[in-house]
Amino acid sequence: MTNPSESNLKSNSGFAMHLAFLLKKVVERYQHLILGRHPNNTIFSFNYHNVRHINRFLWATRNQLPGNALTLVDVGAGKSPYYPIFAELVEDYIAIDSIESLPQNEVRPIKQMVGFAEKLSIPEVSADIILSNAGT
């Protein structure tokens, strides 16, 4: 004969596992709404305080840039999170990073180049803006 408390424990355990599964699915689906996506993190993101001042500076700088059809070189670009800030102003957005960091399926009009900050593979005086948010 089964102890009633053992039966309750088994059903509670199954419920807890099901609840944990549902919670994981909800977090996966809606996490970006709560945390945001880099560089547009929300205050709930661990990275918000690190990125907020960079975004403010880049938007303020962008609004002061003369003209359009500019060439921007993003050194250490990764997934080029700052592209949306400059997209309307640049004719050429060049992302330079290691092959592991550059997205393989980039659909935005970004020219990708494999390279490192220590030795850029672009001719001198070929960029209007050089962006680097790489730490040392």
N, C-alpha and C. Protein backbone atom coordinates (compact mmCIF):
# COMPACT_ATOMS: atom_id res chain seq x y z
N MET A 1 0.83 -1.18 0.00
CA MET A 1 0.00 0.00 0.00
C MET A 1 0.89 1.26 0.00
N THR A 2 0.51 2.26 -0.79
CA THR A 2 1.29 3.48 -0.93
C THR A 2 0.89 4.50 0.13
N ASN A 3 1.87 5.12 0.65
CA ASN A 3 1.66 6.17 1.63
C ASN A 3 1.07 7.39 0.90
N PRO A 4 -0.01 8.01 1.40
CA PRO A 4 -0.61 9.17 0.71
C PRO A 4 0.37 10.32 0.53
N SER A 5 1.27 10.51 1.47
CA SER A 5 2.23 11.61 1.32
C SER A 5 3.22 11.33 0.20
N GLU A 6 3.57 10.06 -0.04
CA GLU A 6 4.45 9.71 -1.16
C GLU A 6 3.75 9.98 -2.49
N SER A 7 2.48 9.69 -2.55
CA SER A 7 1.70 9.94 -3.76
C SER A 7 1.64 11.43 -4.06
N ASN A 8 1.40 12.24 -3.04
CA ASN A 8 1.38 13.70 -3.22
C ASN A 8 2.74 14.23 -3.66
N LEU A 9 3.79 13.66 -3.08
CA LEU A 9 5.14 14.10 -3.43
C LEU A 9 5.44 13.83 -4.90
N LYS A 10 5.02 12.65 -5.39
CA LYS A 10 5.26 12.32 -6.79
C LYS A 10 4.47 13.25 -7.72
N SER A 11 3.22 13.54 -7.37
CA SER A 11 2.44 14.41 -8.24
C SER A 11 2.95 15.85 -8.17
N ASN A 12 3.40 16.28 -6.98
CA ASN A 12 3.99 17.62 -6.87
C ASN A 12 5.29 17.72 -7.63
N SER A 13 6.06 16.66 -7.63
CA SER A 13 7.33 16.64 -8.36
C SER A 13 7.08 16.76 -9.86
N GLY A 14 6.07 16.04 -10.37
CA GLY A 14 5.73 16.13 -11.78
C GLY A 14 5.23 17.52 -12.15
N PHE A 15 4.45 18.10 -11.26
CA PHE A 15 3.95 19.46 -11.49
C PHE A 15 5.10 20.46 -11.51
N ALA A 16 6.03 20.30 -10.58
CA ALA A 16 7.18 21.21 -10.50
C ALA A 16 8.03 21.11 -11.77
N MET A 17 8.23 19.89 -12.27
CA MET A 17 9.01 19.71 -13.49
C MET A 17 8.31 20.35 -14.68
N HIS A 18 7.00 20.18 -14.76
CA HIS A 18 6.22 20.78 -15.85
C HIS A 18 6.27 22.30 -15.76
N LEU A 19 6.14 22.83 -14.55
CA LEU A 19 6.19 24.28 -14.34
C LEU A 19 7.56 24.83 -14.73
N ALA A 20 8.62 24.13 -14.35
CA ALA A 20 9.97 24.56 -14.71
C ALA A 20 10.17 24.56 -16.22
N PHE A 21 9.63 23.56 -16.90
CA PHE A 21 9.72 23.49 -18.36
C PHE A 21 8.99 24.67 -19.00
N LEU A 22 7.78 24.95 -18.53
CA LEU A 22 7.01 26.08 -19.07
C LEU A 22 7.71 27.41 -18.81
N LEU A 23 8.24 27.57 -17.62
CA LEU A 23 8.94 28.81 -17.27
C LEU A 23 10.16 29.02 -18.16
N LYS A 24 10.89 27.95 -18.44
CA LYS A 24 12.05 28.04 -19.33
C LYS A 24 11.63 28.49 -20.72
N LYS A 25 10.54 27.94 -21.25
CA LYS A 25 10.05 28.33 -22.57
C LYS A 25 9.62 29.79 -22.60
N VAL A 26 8.95 30.26 -21.56
CA VAL A 26 8.51 31.65 -21.49
C VAL A 26 9.72 32.59 -21.46
N VAL A 27 10.73 32.25 -20.65
CA VAL A 27 11.93 33.08 -20.56
C VAL A 27 12.65 33.13 -21.91
N GLU A 28 12.78 31.98 -22.57
CA GLU A 28 13.45 31.95 -23.88
C GLU A 28 12.73 32.84 -24.89
N ARG A 29 11.41 32.82 -24.85
CA ARG A 29 10.64 33.56 -25.84
C ARG A 29 10.60 35.07 -25.56
N TYR A 30 10.53 35.46 -24.29
CA TYR A 30 10.30 36.86 -23.96
C TYR A 30 11.48 37.55 -23.28
N GLN A 31 12.60 36.89 -23.18
CA GLN A 31 13.77 37.46 -22.52
C GLN A 31 14.19 38.79 -23.14
N HIS A 32 14.16 38.88 -24.47
CA HIS A 32 14.60 40.11 -25.13
C HIS A 32 13.69 41.29 -24.79
N LEU A 33 12.42 41.04 -24.47
CA LEU A 33 11.53 42.13 -24.09
C LEU A 33 11.89 42.69 -22.72
N ILE A 34 12.37 41.83 -21.85
CA ILE A 34 12.73 42.25 -20.50
C ILE A 34 14.14 42.82 -20.46
N LEU A 35 15.09 42.12 -21.07
CA LEU A 35 16.49 42.52 -21.00
C LEU A 35 16.92 43.43 -22.15
N GLY A 36 16.19 43.39 -23.26
CA GLY A 36 16.61 44.13 -24.45
C GLY A 36 17.66 43.34 -25.21
N ARG A 37 18.11 43.91 -26.30
CA ARG A 37 19.18 43.30 -27.09
C ARG A 37 20.28 44.34 -27.25
N HIS A 38 21.50 43.89 -27.11
CA HIS A 38 22.65 44.79 -27.22
C HIS A 38 22.61 45.49 -28.57
N PRO A 39 22.77 46.79 -28.67
CA PRO A 39 23.15 47.71 -27.61
C PRO A 39 21.95 48.37 -26.91
N ASN A 40 20.75 47.91 -27.15
CA ASN A 40 19.56 48.53 -26.57
C ASN A 40 19.07 47.75 -25.35
N ASN A 41 19.95 47.58 -24.38
CA ASN A 41 19.61 46.85 -23.17
C ASN A 41 18.64 47.67 -22.33
N THR A 42 17.80 46.99 -21.57
CA THR A 42 16.91 47.68 -20.62
C THR A 42 17.58 47.71 -19.25
N ILE A 43 16.95 48.39 -18.31
CA ILE A 43 17.54 48.49 -16.98
C ILE A 43 17.60 47.13 -16.27
N PHE A 44 16.92 46.13 -16.78
CA PHE A 44 16.95 44.81 -16.17
C PHE A 44 18.12 43.96 -16.64
N SER A 45 18.87 44.45 -17.61
CA SER A 45 20.00 43.71 -18.14
C SER A 45 21.24 43.98 -17.29
N PHE A 46 22.06 42.94 -17.10
CA PHE A 46 23.30 43.11 -16.34
C PHE A 46 24.24 44.10 -17.03
N ASN A 47 24.10 44.28 -18.33
CA ASN A 47 25.02 45.11 -19.11
C ASN A 47 24.51 46.53 -19.33
N TYR A 48 23.34 46.85 -18.81
CA TYR A 48 22.71 48.15 -19.06
C TYR A 48 23.63 49.31 -18.69
N HIS A 49 24.21 49.27 -17.50
CA HIS A 49 25.02 50.39 -17.03
C HIS A 49 26.33 50.51 -17.80
N ASN A 50 26.78 49.43 -18.41
CA ASN A 50 28.00 49.49 -19.21
C ASN A 50 27.75 50.08 -20.60
N VAL A 51 26.56 49.86 -21.13
CA VAL A 51 26.27 50.22 -22.51
C VAL A 51 25.53 51.55 -22.64
N ARG A 52 24.78 51.94 -21.64
CA ARG A 52 23.94 53.14 -21.71
C ARG A 52 24.75 54.39 -22.08
N HIS A 53 25.88 54.61 -21.43
CA HIS A 53 26.67 55.81 -21.72
C HIS A 53 27.28 55.76 -23.12
N ILE A 54 27.61 54.56 -23.61
CA ILE A 54 28.14 54.43 -24.96
C ILE A 54 27.08 54.81 -25.98
N ASN A 55 25.86 54.31 -25.79
CA ASN A 55 24.76 54.66 -26.70
C ASN A 55 24.50 56.16 -26.71
N ARG A 56 24.46 56.78 -25.55
CA ARG A 56 24.23 58.23 -25.48
C ARG A 56 25.31 58.99 -26.24
N PHE A 57 26.56 58.59 -26.02
CA PHE A 57 27.66 59.25 -26.70
C PHE A 57 27.58 59.07 -28.22
N LEU A 58 27.30 57.85 -28.66
CA LEU A 58 27.24 57.58 -30.11
C LEU A 58 26.09 58.33 -30.77
N TRP A 59 24.92 58.39 -30.13
CA TRP A 59 23.80 59.15 -30.71
C TRP A 59 24.12 60.64 -30.76
N ALA A 60 24.73 61.17 -29.71
CA ALA A 60 25.09 62.59 -29.70
C ALA A 60 26.13 62.88 -30.78
N THR A 61 27.10 62.00 -30.93
CA THR A 61 28.13 62.17 -31.96
C THR A 61 27.53 62.04 -33.34
N ARG A 62 26.67 61.07 -33.52
CA ARG A 62 26.02 60.86 -34.82
C ARG A 62 25.28 62.11 -35.27
N ASN A 63 24.60 62.76 -34.35
CA ASN A 63 23.82 63.94 -34.69
C ASN A 63 24.68 65.14 -35.04
N GLN A 64 25.97 65.06 -34.75
CA GLN A 64 26.89 66.16 -35.08
C GLN A 64 27.71 65.90 -36.35
N LEU A 65 27.58 64.73 -36.92
CA LEU A 65 28.38 64.40 -38.10
C LEU A 65 27.88 65.15 -39.33
N PRO A 66 28.81 65.70 -40.08
CA PRO A 66 28.41 66.43 -41.29
C PRO A 66 28.14 65.47 -42.45
N GLY A 67 27.08 65.73 -43.14
CA GLY A 67 26.80 65.01 -44.38
C GLY A 67 26.38 63.57 -44.18
N ASN A 68 26.42 62.87 -45.30
CA ASN A 68 26.11 61.45 -45.31
C ASN A 68 27.01 60.79 -46.34
N ALA A 69 26.75 59.57 -46.69
CA ALA A 69 27.61 58.79 -47.61
C ALA A 69 29.01 58.66 -47.03
N LEU A 70 29.09 58.50 -45.71
CA LEU A 70 30.37 58.37 -45.03
C LEU A 70 30.82 56.91 -45.03
N THR A 71 32.10 56.71 -44.77
CA THR A 71 32.66 55.37 -44.59
C THR A 71 33.01 55.20 -43.13
N LEU A 72 32.43 54.19 -42.50
CA LEU A 72 32.69 53.91 -41.10
C LEU A 72 33.36 52.56 -40.99
N VAL A 73 34.43 52.50 -40.21
CA VAL A 73 35.13 51.25 -39.93
C VAL A 73 34.90 50.92 -38.46
N ASP A 74 34.28 49.78 -38.21
CA ASP A 74 33.99 49.32 -36.86
C ASP A 74 34.99 48.23 -36.50
N VAL A 75 35.97 48.59 -35.66
CA VAL A 75 37.05 47.67 -35.30
C VAL A 75 36.61 46.87 -34.07
N GLY A 76 36.67 45.56 -34.18
CA GLY A 76 36.17 44.71 -33.11
C GLY A 76 34.66 44.68 -33.14
N ALA A 77 34.10 44.64 -34.32
CA ALA A 77 32.66 44.84 -34.55
C ALA A 77 31.78 43.74 -33.97
N GLY A 78 32.25 42.52 -33.96
CA GLY A 78 31.39 41.42 -33.53
C GLY A 78 30.16 41.35 -34.41
N LYS A 79 28.98 41.46 -33.81
CA LYS A 79 27.72 41.41 -34.56
C LYS A 79 27.27 42.79 -35.02
N SER A 80 28.14 43.78 -34.98
CA SER A 80 27.86 45.15 -35.42
C SER A 80 26.62 45.74 -34.74
N PRO A 81 26.59 45.77 -33.41
CA PRO A 81 25.40 46.27 -32.72
C PRO A 81 25.16 47.76 -32.89
N TYR A 82 26.18 48.51 -33.31
CA TYR A 82 26.02 49.95 -33.47
C TYR A 82 25.64 50.35 -34.89
N TYR A 83 25.50 49.39 -35.77
CA TYR A 83 25.10 49.68 -37.15
C TYR A 83 23.81 50.50 -37.22
N PRO A 84 22.76 50.17 -36.47
CA PRO A 84 21.51 50.95 -36.58
C PRO A 84 21.68 52.44 -36.26
N ILE A 85 22.64 52.76 -35.42
CA ILE A 85 22.86 54.17 -35.08
C ILE A 85 23.37 54.95 -36.28
N PHE A 86 24.23 54.34 -37.08
CA PHE A 86 24.89 55.03 -38.18
C PHE A 86 24.36 54.67 -39.56
N ALA A 87 23.42 53.75 -39.65
CA ALA A 87 22.97 53.22 -40.94
C ALA A 87 22.54 54.29 -41.93
N GLU A 88 21.84 55.32 -41.46
CA GLU A 88 21.34 56.35 -42.38
C GLU A 88 22.45 57.28 -42.88
N LEU A 89 23.57 57.32 -42.18
CA LEU A 89 24.64 58.25 -42.54
C LEU A 89 25.75 57.64 -43.37
N VAL A 90 25.89 56.33 -43.31
CA VAL A 90 27.05 55.72 -43.95
C VAL A 90 26.70 55.06 -45.27
N GLU A 91 27.61 55.21 -46.19
CA GLU A 91 27.51 54.49 -47.46
C GLU A 91 28.19 53.14 -47.32
N ASP A 92 29.30 53.13 -46.59
CA ASP A 92 30.05 51.89 -46.36
C ASP A 92 30.24 51.70 -44.86
N TYR A 93 29.74 50.59 -44.35
CA TYR A 93 29.96 50.20 -42.96
C TYR A 93 30.84 48.96 -43.02
N ILE A 94 32.07 49.09 -42.55
CA ILE A 94 33.04 48.01 -42.64
C ILE A 94 33.27 47.45 -41.24
N ALA A 95 32.95 46.19 -41.05
CA ALA A 95 33.11 45.51 -39.77
C ALA A 95 34.38 44.68 -39.81
N ILE A 96 35.30 44.95 -38.89
CA ILE A 96 36.55 44.21 -38.82
C ILE A 96 36.60 43.47 -37.48
N ASP A 97 36.83 42.17 -37.56
CA ASP A 97 36.93 41.36 -36.34
C ASP A 97 37.50 39.99 -36.72
N SER A 98 37.67 39.14 -35.71
CA SER A 98 38.14 37.78 -35.99
C SER A 98 37.03 37.00 -36.67
N ILE A 99 37.39 35.98 -37.37
CA ILE A 99 36.41 35.21 -38.13
C ILE A 99 35.36 34.58 -37.21
N GLU A 100 35.75 34.25 -35.99
CA GLU A 100 34.82 33.64 -35.05
C GLU A 100 33.76 34.64 -34.58
N SER A 101 34.11 35.91 -34.56
CA SER A 101 33.20 36.94 -34.03
C SER A 101 32.26 37.53 -35.07
N LEU A 102 32.61 37.46 -36.32
CA LEU A 102 31.75 38.02 -37.37
C LEU A 102 30.63 37.03 -37.70
N PRO A 103 29.39 37.50 -37.77
CA PRO A 103 28.29 36.59 -38.09
C PRO A 103 28.42 36.06 -39.52
N GLN A 104 28.17 34.78 -39.68
CA GLN A 104 28.28 34.15 -41.00
C GLN A 104 27.08 34.43 -41.89
N ASN A 105 25.97 34.85 -41.31
CA ASN A 105 24.73 35.04 -42.07
C ASN A 105 24.28 36.51 -42.05
N GLU A 106 25.22 37.42 -42.12
CA GLU A 106 24.88 38.86 -42.08
C GLU A 106 24.07 39.25 -43.31
N VAL A 107 22.91 39.85 -43.09
CA VAL A 107 22.05 40.25 -44.21
C VAL A 107 22.03 41.77 -44.40
N ARG A 108 22.51 42.50 -43.42
CA ARG A 108 22.56 43.96 -43.55
C ARG A 108 23.71 44.33 -44.49
N PRO A 109 23.66 45.53 -45.08
CA PRO A 109 24.72 45.93 -46.02
C PRO A 109 26.01 46.31 -45.30
N ILE A 110 26.63 45.33 -44.69
CA ILE A 110 27.87 45.53 -43.93
C ILE A 110 28.97 44.74 -44.62
N LYS A 111 30.07 45.42 -44.91
CA LYS A 111 31.22 44.72 -45.48
C LYS A 111 32.03 44.14 -44.32
N GLN A 112 32.24 42.85 -44.35
CA GLN A 112 32.97 42.20 -43.28
C GLN A 112 34.40 41.92 -43.71
N MET A 113 35.34 42.21 -42.79
CA MET A 113 36.74 41.93 -43.04
C MET A 113 37.32 41.23 -41.82
N VAL A 114 38.10 40.21 -42.05
CA VAL A 114 38.77 39.53 -40.96
C VAL A 114 40.07 40.27 -40.67
N GLY A 115 40.27 40.63 -39.42
CA GLY A 115 41.48 41.34 -39.05
C GLY A 115 41.47 41.71 -37.58
N PHE A 116 42.51 42.38 -37.16
CA PHE A 116 42.67 42.77 -35.77
C PHE A 116 43.05 44.23 -35.69
N ALA A 117 42.78 44.86 -34.56
CA ALA A 117 43.04 46.29 -34.38
C ALA A 117 44.52 46.62 -34.53
N GLU A 118 45.38 45.69 -34.15
CA GLU A 118 46.81 45.95 -34.21
C GLU A 118 47.32 46.11 -35.65
N LYS A 119 46.61 45.51 -36.59
CA LYS A 119 47.03 45.62 -37.99
C LYS A 119 45.79 45.60 -38.87
N LEU A 120 45.28 46.78 -39.18
CA LEU A 120 44.09 46.89 -40.00
C LEU A 120 44.45 46.71 -41.47
N SER A 121 43.61 45.99 -42.17
CA SER A 121 43.88 45.73 -43.59
C SER A 121 43.09 46.68 -44.49
N ILE A 122 43.13 47.97 -44.14
CA ILE A 122 42.49 48.99 -44.97
C ILE A 122 43.52 50.07 -45.26
N PRO A 123 43.42 50.73 -46.41
CA PRO A 123 44.38 51.79 -46.73
C PRO A 123 44.20 52.98 -45.79
N GLU A 124 45.30 53.69 -45.54
CA GLU A 124 45.21 54.90 -44.71
C GLU A 124 44.29 55.92 -45.38
N VAL A 125 43.68 56.74 -44.58
CA VAL A 125 42.79 57.81 -45.02
C VAL A 125 41.64 57.27 -45.88
N SER A 126 41.14 56.11 -45.53
CA SER A 126 40.03 55.56 -46.30
C SER A 126 38.73 55.54 -45.51
N ALA A 127 38.76 56.07 -44.28
CA ALA A 127 37.55 56.06 -43.44
C ALA A 127 37.27 57.46 -42.91
N ASP A 128 36.00 57.79 -42.85
CA ASP A 128 35.59 59.06 -42.24
C ASP A 128 35.44 58.90 -40.72
N ILE A 129 35.03 57.70 -40.31
CA ILE A 129 34.80 57.42 -38.89
C ILE A 129 35.42 56.06 -38.57
N ILE A 130 36.14 55.99 -37.45
CA ILE A 130 36.62 54.71 -36.96
C ILE A 130 36.01 54.51 -35.59
N LEU A 131 35.30 53.42 -35.43
CA LEU A 131 34.59 53.10 -34.19
C LEU A 131 35.26 51.89 -33.57
N SER A 132 35.63 52.01 -32.30
CA SER A 132 36.19 50.87 -31.60
C SER A 132 35.73 50.93 -30.15
N ASN A 133 35.04 49.91 -29.74
CA ASN A 133 34.57 49.81 -28.36
C ASN A 133 35.28 48.64 -27.68
N ALA A 134 36.49 48.36 -28.12
CA ALA A 134 37.23 47.23 -27.60
C ALA A 134 37.92 47.62 -26.29
N GLY A 135 37.83 46.77 -25.33
CA GLY A 135 38.51 47.01 -24.06
C GLY A 135 39.95 46.55 -24.14
N THR A 136 40.75 47.00 -23.21
CA THR A 136 42.15 46.57 -23.21
C THR A 136 42.42 45.68 -22.05
